[in-house]
Structure formats: C-alpha cells, structure tokens
Amino acid sequence: MRVKSKWSNKGRERSLTEIGSAAAFILWRIAQQGTLNLENEGFQTDTNAQRLDVMAEFLAFLLHIVDRMKAEALEHEERQEFITVLAQHLASQMQENRTDAQGKGEYKTALIGLLNERTADYAEFPMPDNMPGYAMKRYFGEQVRAVMGEKDNKWITDQVMDVEVPEALKPLGRALRDLFTTAAD
C-alpha cells in the first residue's frame, strides 16, 4: 500500500498538530486497507458498521504502535500532544463515517474509549526491536476476530498476524519517518 507522507512545502517546520492530523489520515487509510484485505481474502463483514468496528481495532493497534515508536524521539509533553491530536482526528473521522453508516449519534466517545482500553492492553506486551512481538500481534488478531463475521472466523487471527500486521507496518514506518523529517534534516 502506498500512502502520501511527504510534505509539499519542504523545509518548513511542522507543528505536532499538523503531523498528528497527517498521521491520522494515514492511519485511517492503513486501517481501511487492512479491512478491505480481510474482505478480499473471503472473511465476512456484513455491514458498514461492522467494517468500522474492524477498522477501529486496526486504529487502536496502529495508534499504540505509533505511540511506542515515538516514545524515545519525543519529550513526554510532545508525545502526549501528538497522540492526543492523532486520537482526536481519528475520532472525528470515525464520527463522520459512523454517522453516514448508522445515522446520527455520538461515536467519538466510543472510539476514544476503545483507543484508551487497547492502549492499556497493548502496553503489557513487549516490542522487541521497536516492533510488535508475537503476543501483541496475536492479541490484535483476536480483537479483530471478535468483531468479524463468523465465516472462516478461526483463521482471521492467523491472517492478521502473518499478513495484515506486516502489510500495515511498512507504510506506517515510512510515513512516520517522512512526517517527522523536514528537507533541512
């Protein structure tokens, strides 16, 4: 999957708000692609709401990975600001999409709650070499399996661990590197 992660006005310093907004767009695209990949492999989703549930699990996993990857590069306050902006943009995007799929309602709060819950869960898993380990990938796969349809449900965890996580991490790593780099670097 290719995502645009280069700034058009090179050399200008970017705020964490700008970077967080761009990163949210990229995470959304990666989550969409992961969900589409699962459907293309024959795994069942029945409604747009269910697809958004799958995407929410992808977003929670990706947000946590981003947080862990940037933990050493950013000061605590910067990291908190960046992750908060990122989560808020993801919640706004989810609000818009769920409103289209399910009608009026408050959907931001549910996503923020899921992001917080999963972040606490994922924090328990080690990330050797700054990459998710087996246990973290398995947990993520199980969360996706729980919101997917019943068709071939027992194989979803393996698909997520073996195919979707590596597919998601490639553009994610590149995007983070590009978003935090200016032409002067």
Protein backbone atom coordinates (compact mmCIF):
# COMPACT_ATOMS: atom_id res chain seq x y z
CA MET A 1 0.00 0.00 0.00
CA ARG A 2 1.27 3.44 -0.87
CA VAL A 3 0.42 6.49 1.19
CA LYS A 4 1.43 10.09 0.63
CA SER A 5 3.60 11.05 3.56
CA LYS A 6 5.88 13.75 2.13
CA TRP A 7 5.17 17.38 2.86
CA SER A 8 4.50 19.54 -0.18
CA ASN A 9 6.21 22.64 1.26
CA LYS A 10 9.56 21.07 2.10
CA GLY A 11 11.84 22.56 4.70
CA ARG A 12 9.14 24.20 6.80
CA GLU A 13 8.97 23.07 10.41
CA ARG A 14 5.69 21.30 11.17
CA SER A 15 3.74 21.50 14.40
CA LEU A 16 2.76 18.36 16.25
CA THR A 17 -0.84 19.24 15.41
CA GLU A 18 -0.07 19.21 11.68
CA ILE A 19 1.88 15.98 11.98
CA GLY A 20 -0.87 14.39 14.07
CA SER A 21 -3.51 15.37 11.53
CA ALA A 22 -1.50 13.93 8.63
CA ALA A 23 -0.70 10.79 10.62
CA ALA A 24 -4.41 10.28 11.40
CA PHE A 25 -5.23 10.36 7.70
CA ILE A 26 -2.51 7.77 7.04
CA LEU A 27 -3.63 5.50 9.90
CA TRP A 28 -7.19 5.70 8.60
CA ARG A 29 -6.03 4.65 5.11
CA ILE A 30 -3.99 1.75 6.51
CA ALA A 31 -6.97 0.58 8.60
CA GLN A 32 -9.25 0.80 5.55
CA GLN A 33 -6.81 -1.24 3.51
CA GLY A 34 -6.43 -3.86 6.23
CA THR A 35 -10.21 -4.25 6.44
CA LEU A 36 -10.50 -4.46 2.66
CA ASN A 37 -7.72 -7.05 2.56
CA LEU A 38 -9.61 -9.24 5.04
CA GLU A 39 -12.79 -8.97 2.97
CA ASN A 40 -10.87 -9.75 -0.24
CA GLU A 41 -9.50 -12.88 1.45
CA GLY A 42 -13.07 -14.03 1.99
CA PHE A 43 -13.52 -13.08 5.64
CA GLN A 44 -17.05 -11.94 6.36
CA THR A 45 -18.26 -8.47 7.20
CA ASP A 46 -21.99 -7.90 6.87
CA THR A 47 -22.49 -4.17 7.39
CA ASN A 48 -20.64 -0.89 7.14
CA ALA A 49 -20.90 -0.63 10.93
CA GLN A 50 -19.09 -3.95 11.26
CA ARG A 51 -16.39 -2.77 8.85
CA LEU A 52 -15.94 0.30 11.03
CA ASP A 53 -15.65 -1.96 14.09
CA VAL A 54 -12.81 -3.81 12.34
CA MET A 55 -11.21 -0.51 11.38
CA ALA A 56 -11.47 0.67 14.99
CA GLU A 57 -9.41 -2.33 16.09
CA PHE A 58 -6.82 -1.56 13.41
CA LEU A 59 -6.73 2.08 14.52
CA ALA A 60 -6.23 1.15 18.17
CA PHE A 61 -3.37 -1.17 17.26
CA LEU A 62 -1.74 1.36 14.92
CA LEU A 63 -2.12 4.23 17.38
CA HIS A 64 -0.36 2.21 20.05
CA ILE A 65 2.44 1.26 17.66
CA VAL A 66 2.90 4.93 16.71
CA ASP A 67 2.99 5.91 20.38
CA ARG A 68 5.63 3.30 21.18
CA MET A 69 7.70 4.16 18.10
CA LYS A 70 7.79 7.85 19.01
CA ALA A 71 8.27 7.33 22.77
CA GLU A 72 12.01 7.94 22.73
CA ALA A 73 12.05 10.58 20.00
CA LEU A 74 9.59 12.96 21.65
CA GLU A 75 9.56 14.58 25.07
CA HIS A 76 6.71 13.39 27.30
CA GLU A 77 4.61 16.53 26.72
CA GLU A 78 5.23 16.43 22.96
CA ARG A 79 4.33 12.77 22.79
CA GLN A 80 1.14 13.37 24.77
CA GLU A 81 0.18 16.29 22.49
CA PHE A 82 0.92 14.31 19.32
CA ILE A 83 -1.02 11.19 20.40
CA THR A 84 -3.94 13.28 21.66
CA VAL A 85 -4.20 15.18 18.36
CA LEU A 86 -3.89 11.92 16.45
CA ALA A 87 -6.64 10.25 18.52
CA GLN A 88 -8.94 13.27 18.21
CA HIS A 89 -8.59 13.30 14.42
CA LEU A 90 -9.28 9.57 14.27
CA ALA A 91 -12.36 10.05 16.45
CA SER A 92 -13.64 12.84 14.20
CA GLN A 93 -13.17 10.66 11.13
CA MET A 94 -14.97 7.78 12.87
CA GLN A 95 -17.81 10.11 13.87
CA GLU A 96 -18.28 11.17 10.26
CA ASN A 97 -18.15 7.62 8.90
CA ARG A 98 -20.40 6.09 11.54
CA THR A 99 -22.93 8.88 11.06
CA ASP A 100 -23.01 8.02 7.34
CA ALA A 101 -23.31 4.28 8.08
CA GLN A 102 -25.50 4.24 11.18
CA GLY A 103 -27.23 7.61 11.41
CA LYS A 104 -26.91 10.39 13.95
CA GLY A 105 -25.27 9.57 17.23
CA GLU A 106 -22.23 10.16 19.41
CA TYR A 107 -19.49 7.88 18.11
CA LYS A 108 -16.32 9.75 19.07
CA THR A 109 -16.53 8.78 22.72
CA ALA A 110 -16.77 5.08 21.91
CA LEU A 111 -13.64 5.19 19.75
CA ILE A 112 -11.67 7.19 22.32
CA GLY A 113 -12.73 4.65 24.94
CA LEU A 114 -11.58 1.78 22.73
CA LEU A 115 -8.27 3.52 21.99
CA ASN A 116 -7.64 4.03 25.70
CA GLU A 117 -8.63 0.46 26.58
CA ARG A 118 -6.50 -1.11 23.88
CA THR A 119 -3.53 1.16 24.65
CA ALA A 120 -3.58 -0.12 28.22
CA ASP A 121 -3.84 -3.70 26.95
CA TYR A 122 -1.08 -3.35 24.35
CA ALA A 123 1.20 -1.63 26.88
CA GLU A 124 1.54 -5.00 28.62
CA PHE A 125 3.25 -6.54 25.57
CA PRO A 126 6.92 -6.14 24.74
CA MET A 127 8.04 -4.62 21.45
CA PRO A 128 11.42 -6.14 20.66
CA ASP A 129 13.40 -4.02 18.20
CA ASN A 130 10.55 -1.48 18.28
CA MET A 131 8.25 -3.94 16.50
CA PRO A 132 5.19 -5.75 17.87
CA GLY A 133 6.03 -9.20 19.17
CA TYR A 134 4.08 -12.42 18.73
CA ALA A 135 1.84 -11.91 21.78
CA MET A 136 0.86 -8.37 20.76
CA LYS A 137 0.08 -9.43 17.19
CA ARG A 138 -1.94 -12.38 18.47
CA TYR A 139 -3.93 -10.15 20.82
CA PHE A 140 -4.64 -7.76 17.93
CA GLY A 141 -5.73 -10.67 15.74
CA GLU A 142 -8.08 -11.90 18.45
CA GLN A 143 -9.64 -8.44 18.78
CA VAL A 144 -10.26 -8.31 15.02
CA ARG A 145 -11.65 -11.85 15.07
CA ALA A 146 -14.11 -10.84 17.80
CA VAL A 147 -15.73 -8.15 15.60
CA MET A 148 -15.62 -10.03 12.26
CA GLY A 149 -18.33 -12.27 10.87
CA GLU A 150 -18.50 -16.00 11.51
CA LYS A 151 -17.33 -17.21 8.08
CA ASP A 152 -13.83 -18.73 8.41
CA ASN A 153 -13.57 -16.89 11.73
CA LYS A 154 -10.98 -19.27 13.18
CA TRP A 155 -8.41 -18.21 10.54
CA ILE A 156 -8.71 -14.45 10.99
CA THR A 157 -6.16 -14.27 13.80
CA ASP A 158 -3.53 -16.00 11.66
CA GLN A 159 -4.29 -13.74 8.69
CA VAL A 160 -3.95 -10.63 10.83
CA MET A 161 -0.71 -11.80 12.47
CA ASP A 162 1.02 -13.15 9.38
CA VAL A 163 -0.22 -10.83 6.64
CA GLU A 164 -2.04 -7.72 7.84
CA VAL A 165 0.40 -6.60 10.54
CA PRO A 166 3.46 -6.72 8.23
CA GLU A 167 1.44 -5.02 5.47
CA ALA A 168 0.40 -2.23 7.85
CA LEU A 169 3.83 -1.67 9.38
CA LYS A 170 5.59 -0.99 6.06
CA PRO A 171 3.74 2.22 5.16
CA LEU A 172 3.40 3.20 8.82
CA GLY A 173 7.14 3.23 9.46
CA ARG A 174 7.83 5.10 6.24
CA ALA A 175 5.08 7.63 6.94
CA LEU A 176 6.32 8.39 10.46
CA ARG A 177 9.84 8.86 9.22
CA ASP A 178 8.67 11.20 6.44
CA LEU A 179 6.23 13.19 8.56
CA PHE A 180 8.83 13.96 11.21
CA THR A 181 11.52 14.88 8.67
CA THR A 182 11.97 18.27 7.06
CA ALA A 183 14.07 18.98 3.99
CA ALA A 184 16.69 20.54 6.26
CA ASP A 185 17.18 17.22 8.08
